[in-house]
N, C-alpha and C. Protein backbone atom coordinates (compact mmCIF):
# COMPACT_ATOMS: atom_id res chain seq x y z
N MET A 1 45.58 -78.58 -44.86
CA MET A 1 45.96 -77.80 -43.32
C MET A 1 47.61 -77.95 -43.15
N GLU A 2 48.04 -76.72 -42.32
CA GLU A 2 48.93 -77.12 -42.31
C GLU A 2 49.46 -77.50 -40.72
N ASP A 3 50.45 -78.05 -41.66
CA ASP A 3 51.64 -78.70 -40.31
C ASP A 3 52.00 -77.95 -39.27
N ALA A 4 51.72 -78.06 -38.00
CA ALA A 4 52.26 -77.10 -36.26
C ALA A 4 53.78 -77.37 -36.04
N ALA A 5 54.17 -78.17 -37.26
CA ALA A 5 55.34 -77.96 -36.47
C ALA A 5 56.38 -77.71 -37.28
N ARG A 6 55.97 -77.52 -38.07
CA ARG A 6 56.60 -77.19 -39.54
C ARG A 6 57.20 -75.69 -38.91
N PRO A 7 59.15 -75.31 -39.33
CA PRO A 7 60.07 -74.14 -38.66
C PRO A 7 59.43 -72.64 -38.41
N ASP A 8 58.74 -72.37 -40.21
CA ASP A 8 58.04 -71.31 -40.88
C ASP A 8 56.66 -71.37 -39.74
N VAL A 9 55.90 -72.22 -39.83
CA VAL A 9 54.59 -71.52 -38.92
C VAL A 9 54.67 -71.78 -37.54
N VAL A 10 56.26 -71.81 -37.45
CA VAL A 10 55.95 -71.93 -35.97
C VAL A 10 56.85 -70.23 -35.43
N ALA A 11 57.87 -70.34 -36.06
CA ALA A 11 57.73 -69.02 -36.51
C ALA A 11 57.02 -68.10 -36.65
N ARG A 12 56.25 -68.14 -36.77
CA ARG A 12 54.72 -67.10 -37.91
C ARG A 12 54.23 -67.25 -36.41
N ARG A 13 54.52 -67.66 -35.73
CA ARG A 13 53.45 -67.92 -33.98
C ARG A 13 54.59 -67.50 -33.18
N VAL A 14 55.76 -67.66 -33.35
CA VAL A 14 56.49 -66.68 -32.51
C VAL A 14 56.94 -64.76 -32.88
N ALA A 15 56.67 -64.85 -33.94
CA ALA A 15 56.60 -63.22 -34.22
C ALA A 15 55.68 -62.52 -33.53
N ALA A 16 54.54 -63.46 -34.26
CA ALA A 16 52.87 -63.27 -33.48
C ALA A 16 53.19 -62.70 -31.73
N LEU A 17 53.08 -63.35 -31.52
CA LEU A 17 53.73 -63.58 -29.99
C LEU A 17 54.27 -62.46 -29.59
N GLY A 18 55.15 -62.04 -30.16
CA GLY A 18 56.43 -60.75 -29.47
C GLY A 18 55.14 -59.42 -30.12
N ASP A 19 54.76 -59.42 -30.62
CA ASP A 19 53.81 -57.85 -31.51
C ASP A 19 52.77 -57.81 -30.19
N GLU A 20 52.61 -58.58 -29.42
CA GLU A 20 52.08 -58.38 -28.19
C GLU A 20 52.79 -57.74 -27.06
N GLU A 21 53.29 -56.74 -26.49
CA GLU A 21 53.69 -56.27 -26.16
C GLU A 21 53.06 -55.70 -24.65
N ASP A 22 53.65 -57.08 -23.74
CA ASP A 22 52.50 -56.25 -22.04
C ASP A 22 53.34 -55.28 -21.71
N PRO A 23 52.84 -54.22 -21.15
CA PRO A 23 53.34 -52.70 -20.33
C PRO A 23 54.28 -53.35 -19.44
N LEU A 24 53.73 -54.05 -18.43
CA LEU A 24 54.40 -54.97 -16.85
C LEU A 24 55.50 -55.33 -17.83
N GLU A 25 56.16 -55.94 -18.32
CA GLU A 25 57.20 -56.52 -19.32
C GLU A 25 58.15 -55.44 -19.37
N ALA A 26 57.54 -54.59 -21.05
CA ALA A 26 58.55 -52.77 -21.24
C ALA A 26 58.62 -51.67 -19.91
N LYS A 27 58.31 -52.61 -18.91
CA LYS A 27 58.35 -51.08 -18.29
C LYS A 27 59.58 -51.92 -17.45
N ALA A 28 59.56 -53.81 -17.11
CA ALA A 28 60.24 -54.47 -16.52
C ALA A 28 62.32 -53.56 -17.45
N ARG A 29 61.86 -53.74 -18.77
CA ARG A 29 62.78 -53.82 -18.83
C ARG A 29 63.52 -51.65 -18.99
N GLU A 30 62.94 -51.29 -18.78
CA GLU A 30 62.39 -49.41 -19.36
C GLU A 30 64.00 -49.66 -17.68
N GLU A 31 63.41 -50.21 -16.50
CA GLU A 31 63.94 -50.09 -14.74
C GLU A 31 65.65 -50.85 -14.70
N GLU A 32 65.17 -51.84 -15.70
CA GLU A 32 66.73 -52.78 -15.84
C GLU A 32 67.89 -52.04 -16.77
N ARG A 33 67.51 -51.10 -17.83
CA ARG A 33 68.21 -49.86 -18.26
C ARG A 33 68.37 -48.77 -17.62
N LYS A 34 68.00 -48.25 -16.91
CA LYS A 34 68.00 -47.79 -16.10
C LYS A 34 69.20 -47.95 -15.21
N LEU A 35 69.09 -49.07 -14.42
CA LEU A 35 70.23 -49.97 -13.04
C LEU A 35 71.36 -49.70 -13.72
N ALA A 36 70.93 -50.32 -15.09
CA ALA A 36 72.12 -50.05 -16.05
C ALA A 36 73.30 -49.09 -16.21
N GLU A 37 72.34 -47.99 -16.27
CA GLU A 37 73.13 -47.21 -16.84
C GLU A 37 73.59 -46.76 -14.99
N ARG A 38 73.06 -46.68 -14.23
CA ARG A 38 73.30 -46.30 -12.85
C ARG A 38 74.82 -46.62 -12.81
N LYS A 39 74.88 -48.77 -13.07
CA LYS A 39 76.56 -49.22 -12.95
C LYS A 39 77.48 -48.79 -13.26
N ALA A 40 76.80 -47.95 -14.71
CA ALA A 40 77.72 -47.66 -15.41
C ALA A 40 78.26 -46.59 -15.29
N ALA A 41 77.59 -45.50 -14.65
CA ALA A 41 78.25 -43.97 -14.18
C ALA A 41 78.73 -44.38 -12.73
N ALA A 42 78.90 -45.15 -12.31
CA ALA A 42 78.96 -45.31 -11.16
C ALA A 42 80.18 -46.15 -11.20
N ARG A 43 81.08 -47.50 -12.13
CA ARG A 43 82.34 -47.05 -12.17
C ARG A 43 82.06 -47.05 -13.11
N LYS A 44 82.39 -45.53 -13.62
CA LYS A 44 83.03 -44.84 -14.78
C LYS A 44 83.65 -43.73 -13.47
N GLY A 45 83.20 -43.28 -12.73
CA GLY A 45 83.50 -42.16 -11.93
C GLY A 45 83.87 -42.52 -9.82
N LYS A 46 83.86 -42.80 -8.82
CA LYS A 46 83.75 -42.88 -7.74
C LYS A 46 83.46 -41.61 -6.65
N LYS A 47 81.91 -42.39 -7.00
CA LYS A 47 81.60 -40.50 -6.43
C LYS A 47 81.27 -40.68 -4.86
N LYS A 48 81.52 -39.16 -4.54
CA LYS A 48 81.75 -38.97 -2.84
C LYS A 48 80.86 -39.92 -2.35
N LYS A 49 81.65 -40.48 -0.88
CA LYS A 49 80.74 -41.55 0.38
C LYS A 49 79.00 -40.68 0.38
N GLY A 50 77.58 -41.22 0.93
CA GLY A 50 76.80 -40.28 0.78
C GLY A 50 76.58 -40.47 1.96
N GLY A 51 76.26 -40.32 2.90
CA GLY A 51 75.82 -38.65 4.75
C GLY A 51 75.84 -40.02 5.06
N LEU A 52 75.32 -41.58 4.94
CA LEU A 52 75.37 -42.62 5.58
C LEU A 52 76.79 -43.27 6.21
N GLU A 53 76.90 -43.41 4.50
CA GLU A 53 78.24 -44.14 4.31
C GLU A 53 79.90 -42.69 5.46
N THR A 54 79.40 -41.83 5.19
CA THR A 54 80.16 -40.93 6.13
C THR A 54 80.15 -41.28 7.62
N ALA A 55 78.93 -40.87 8.42
CA ALA A 55 78.68 -40.98 9.39
C ALA A 55 79.12 -41.86 10.15
N ALA A 56 79.00 -43.04 9.65
CA ALA A 56 79.45 -44.74 10.08
C ALA A 56 81.31 -44.30 9.67
N SER A 57 81.70 -44.15 8.55
CA SER A 57 83.52 -44.21 8.62
C SER A 57 83.73 -43.40 9.76
N LYS A 58 82.71 -42.10 10.48
CA LYS A 58 83.67 -41.62 11.30
C LYS A 58 82.75 -42.32 12.44
N LYS A 59 82.68 -42.58 12.62
CA LYS A 59 82.19 -43.57 14.54
C LYS A 59 83.22 -45.09 14.16
N LEU A 60 83.10 -46.10 13.30
CA LEU A 60 84.00 -46.36 13.03
C LEU A 60 85.18 -46.11 13.06
N ALA A 61 85.59 -44.84 13.25
CA ALA A 61 87.49 -43.85 12.93
C ALA A 61 87.60 -43.50 14.53
N LYS A 62 86.33 -43.14 14.96
CA LYS A 62 86.51 -42.95 16.81
C LYS A 62 86.53 -44.07 17.67
N ILE A 63 85.98 -45.10 17.16
CA ILE A 63 85.76 -47.15 17.86
C ILE A 63 86.92 -47.57 18.02
N GLY A 64 87.76 -46.95 16.61
CA GLY A 64 88.94 -47.75 16.97
C GLY A 64 90.69 -46.86 17.39
N GLU A 65 90.38 -45.61 17.50
CA GLU A 65 91.03 -44.85 18.32
C GLU A 65 90.91 -45.17 20.09
N ARG A 66 89.14 -44.97 20.59
CA ARG A 66 89.39 -45.83 21.49
C ARG A 66 89.80 -47.06 22.18
N ALA A 67 90.17 -48.15 20.76
CA ALA A 67 89.80 -49.80 21.38
C ALA A 67 91.43 -49.28 22.04
N GLU A 68 91.15 -50.41 23.42
CA GLU A 68 92.26 -50.90 23.86
C GLU A 68 93.91 -51.32 23.55
N PRO A 69 94.90 -51.61 23.21
CA PRO A 69 95.71 -52.39 22.79
C PRO A 69 95.26 -53.65 22.95
N ARG A 70 95.70 -54.82 22.66
CA ARG A 70 95.86 -55.90 23.09
C ARG A 70 97.32 -56.55 24.28
N ARG A 71 96.64 -56.94 25.23
CA ARG A 71 97.87 -58.09 25.96
C ARG A 71 98.45 -58.76 25.48
N ALA A 72 99.67 -58.86 25.82
CA ALA A 72 100.59 -60.60 25.42
C ALA A 72 100.15 -61.12 26.27
N VAL A 73 99.34 -62.36 26.17
CA VAL A 73 98.74 -63.42 27.02
C VAL A 73 99.84 -63.89 27.10
N ALA A 74 100.10 -65.25 28.33
CA ALA A 74 101.43 -65.41 28.63
C ALA A 74 101.48 -67.49 28.18
N VAL A 75 102.27 -67.47 27.21
CA VAL A 75 102.18 -69.10 26.92
C VAL A 75 103.01 -70.30 28.13
N ALA A 76 101.95 -71.03 28.17
CA ALA A 76 102.70 -72.38 29.28
C ALA A 76 104.30 -73.01 29.27
N SER A 77 104.42 -72.44 27.55
CA SER A 77 105.89 -72.52 27.49
C SER A 77 107.43 -71.73 27.44
N ASP A 78 107.21 -70.64 28.61
CA ASP A 78 107.34 -69.74 28.98
C ASP A 78 107.48 -70.22 30.05
N ALA A 79 106.40 -70.36 31.08
CA ALA A 79 107.09 -71.01 32.55
C ALA A 79 107.58 -72.59 32.55
N ASP A 80 107.15 -73.55 31.59
CA ASP A 80 107.83 -74.56 31.51
C ASP A 80 109.43 -74.46 30.80
N PRO A 81 110.18 -75.38 30.98
CA PRO A 81 111.45 -75.57 30.31
C PRO A 81 110.97 -76.98 29.87
N LEU A 82 110.27 -78.27 30.19
CA LEU A 82 110.12 -79.29 29.10
C LEU A 82 109.07 -78.93 27.98
N ILE A 83 107.77 -77.89 28.64
CA ILE A 83 107.35 -78.48 26.94
C ILE A 83 107.82 -77.10 26.16
N GLU A 84 109.40 -75.85 26.97
CA GLU A 84 109.57 -75.06 25.73
C GLU A 84 111.09 -75.91 25.19
N ARG A 85 111.52 -77.38 26.03
CA ARG A 85 112.46 -78.57 25.01
C ARG A 85 112.14 -78.87 23.75
N THR A 86 110.44 -79.39 24.56
CA THR A 86 109.17 -80.47 23.05
C THR A 86 109.56 -79.91 22.44
N ALA A 87 108.95 -78.18 22.54
CA ALA A 87 109.06 -77.16 21.63
C ALA A 87 110.28 -77.66 20.34
N LYS A 88 110.71 -77.04 21.50
CA LYS A 88 112.31 -77.01 20.27
C LYS A 88 112.90 -78.37 20.13
N ILE A 89 112.33 -80.12 20.12
CA ILE A 89 113.03 -80.80 19.00
C ILE A 89 112.08 -81.47 18.56
N GLY A 90 110.21 -80.47 18.42
CA GLY A 90 109.32 -80.66 18.00
C GLY A 90 110.17 -79.41 15.93
N GLU A 91 110.69 -78.29 16.15
CA GLU A 91 111.03 -77.51 15.67
C GLU A 91 112.53 -77.79 14.82
N TRP A 92 112.69 -78.82 15.12
CA TRP A 92 114.06 -79.45 15.26
C TRP A 92 113.95 -80.58 13.65
N ALA A 93 112.49 -81.69 14.14
CA ALA A 93 112.02 -82.40 13.37
C ALA A 93 111.33 -82.29 11.71
N LYS A 94 110.92 -81.55 12.45
CA LYS A 94 110.15 -80.14 11.49
C LYS A 94 111.04 -80.11 9.96
N LYS A 95 112.30 -79.51 11.06
CA LYS A 95 113.44 -79.31 9.59
C LYS A 95 113.95 -80.08 9.33
N ASN A 96 114.50 -81.61 10.18
CA ASN A 96 115.10 -82.69 9.89
C ASN A 96 114.44 -83.79 9.11
N GLN A 97 112.80 -83.33 9.24
CA GLN A 97 111.89 -84.75 7.99
C GLN A 97 112.35 -85.23 7.67
N THR A 98 113.07 -85.09 6.35
CA THR A 98 113.43 -86.77 5.73
C THR A 98 114.63 -87.19 6.34
N ALA A 99 115.36 -86.75 6.83
CA ALA A 99 116.25 -87.73 8.11
C ALA A 99 115.47 -88.94 8.82
N ILE A 100 114.44 -87.52 9.63
CA ILE A 100 114.43 -88.29 10.13
C ILE A 100 112.66 -89.49 9.79
N GLN A 101 112.49 -89.68 8.50
CA GLN A 101 111.56 -90.88 8.02
C GLN A 101 113.23 -91.20 7.65
N ILE A 102 113.86 -91.66 7.38
CA ILE A 102 114.68 -92.74 6.59
C ILE A 102 115.56 -93.85 7.98
N VAL A 103 115.59 -92.77 9.30
CA VAL A 103 115.62 -93.72 10.14
C VAL A 103 114.64 -94.61 10.50
N ALA A 104 113.33 -94.27 10.83
CA ALA A 104 112.74 -94.69 10.77
C ALA A 104 112.12 -95.86 9.57
N ALA A 105 112.69 -95.45 8.82
CA ALA A 105 112.31 -96.66 7.60
C ALA A 105 112.92 -97.87 8.10
N LEU A 106 114.65 -97.42 8.04
CA LEU A 106 115.84 -98.50 8.62
C LEU A 106 114.53 -99.12 10.03
N VAL A 107 114.40 -98.60 10.33
CA VAL A 107 113.54 -99.69 12.32
C VAL A 107 113.42 -100.37 11.97
N ALA A 108 112.37 -99.71 11.45
CA ALA A 108 110.68 -100.93 10.29
C ALA A 108 111.46 -102.03 10.23
N VAL A 109 112.05 -101.48 8.89
CA VAL A 109 113.25 -103.24 8.36
C VAL A 109 113.88 -104.07 9.22
N GLY A 110 114.44 -103.07 9.55
CA GLY A 110 114.98 -103.81 11.14
C GLY A 110 114.68 -104.34 11.91
N LEU A 111 113.15 -104.48 12.30
CA LEU A 111 112.55 -104.86 13.39
C LEU A 111 111.56 -106.27 12.32
N LEU A 112 111.25 -106.23 11.09
CA LEU A 112 111.17 -107.23 11.10
C LEU A 112 111.43 -107.86 10.38
N GLY A 113 112.97 -107.92 9.50
CA GLY A 113 113.68 -108.61 9.80
C GLY A 113 114.66 -109.57 10.81
N PHE A 114 114.19 -109.07 12.12
CA PHE A 114 114.90 -109.19 13.33
C PHE A 114 113.53 -110.46 13.88
N ALA A 115 111.93 -110.25 13.79
CA ALA A 115 111.37 -110.38 13.59
C ALA A 115 110.73 -112.17 12.50
N ASP A 116 110.96 -111.99 11.36
CA ASP A 116 111.40 -112.30 11.02
C ASP A 116 112.08 -113.58 11.03
N VAL A 117 113.78 -113.10 11.59
CA VAL A 117 114.49 -114.63 11.92
C VAL A 117 114.58 -115.22 12.94
N ARG A 118 113.51 -114.35 14.49
CA ARG A 118 113.75 -114.81 15.28
C ARG A 118 112.28 -115.50 15.10
N GLY A 119 111.18 -115.63 13.56
CA GLY A 119 110.04 -116.67 13.84
C GLY A 119 110.71 -117.41 12.97
N ALA A 120 112.31 -117.23 12.45
CA ALA A 120 112.53 -118.83 11.55
C ALA A 120 112.67 -120.29 12.19
N THR A 121 114.36 -119.41 13.20
CA THR A 121 115.06 -119.99 14.40
C THR A 121 114.24 -120.88 15.22
N ARG A 122 112.86 -120.21 15.67
CA ARG A 122 112.05 -121.51 16.47
C ARG A 122 110.92 -121.76 15.65
N GLY A 123 110.94 -122.32 13.95
CA GLY A 123 110.52 -123.61 13.44
C GLY A 123 111.35 -124.47 13.25
N ALA A 124 112.34 -124.28 13.49
CA ALA A 124 113.52 -124.83 13.00
C ALA A 124 114.13 -125.67 14.10
């Protein structure tokens, strides 16, 4: 009695299965080969656009010619000087971010030190 799990027995069974070719599998392989050939041919040389693609391109070009240019929308900072000044301060803060962080850290340390001194004097 043969051991069904031995590699040579399994290999013989797999080979026997491979000999029986399913007609659907053969057709699928043939279609995949044809598709690969078409893709390779398309990659080699770009051919001209098809009829529908050309028509769509023309139609889009016409739409692009007819499109009205966008008008500039009024911004609130143009009308209000306070908003304009706030925007300028924001720009300045972005440019001097490290200096602002240092000053903020010093103020925080100072406030904590002041609070600590005040708390120590109250208890004494």
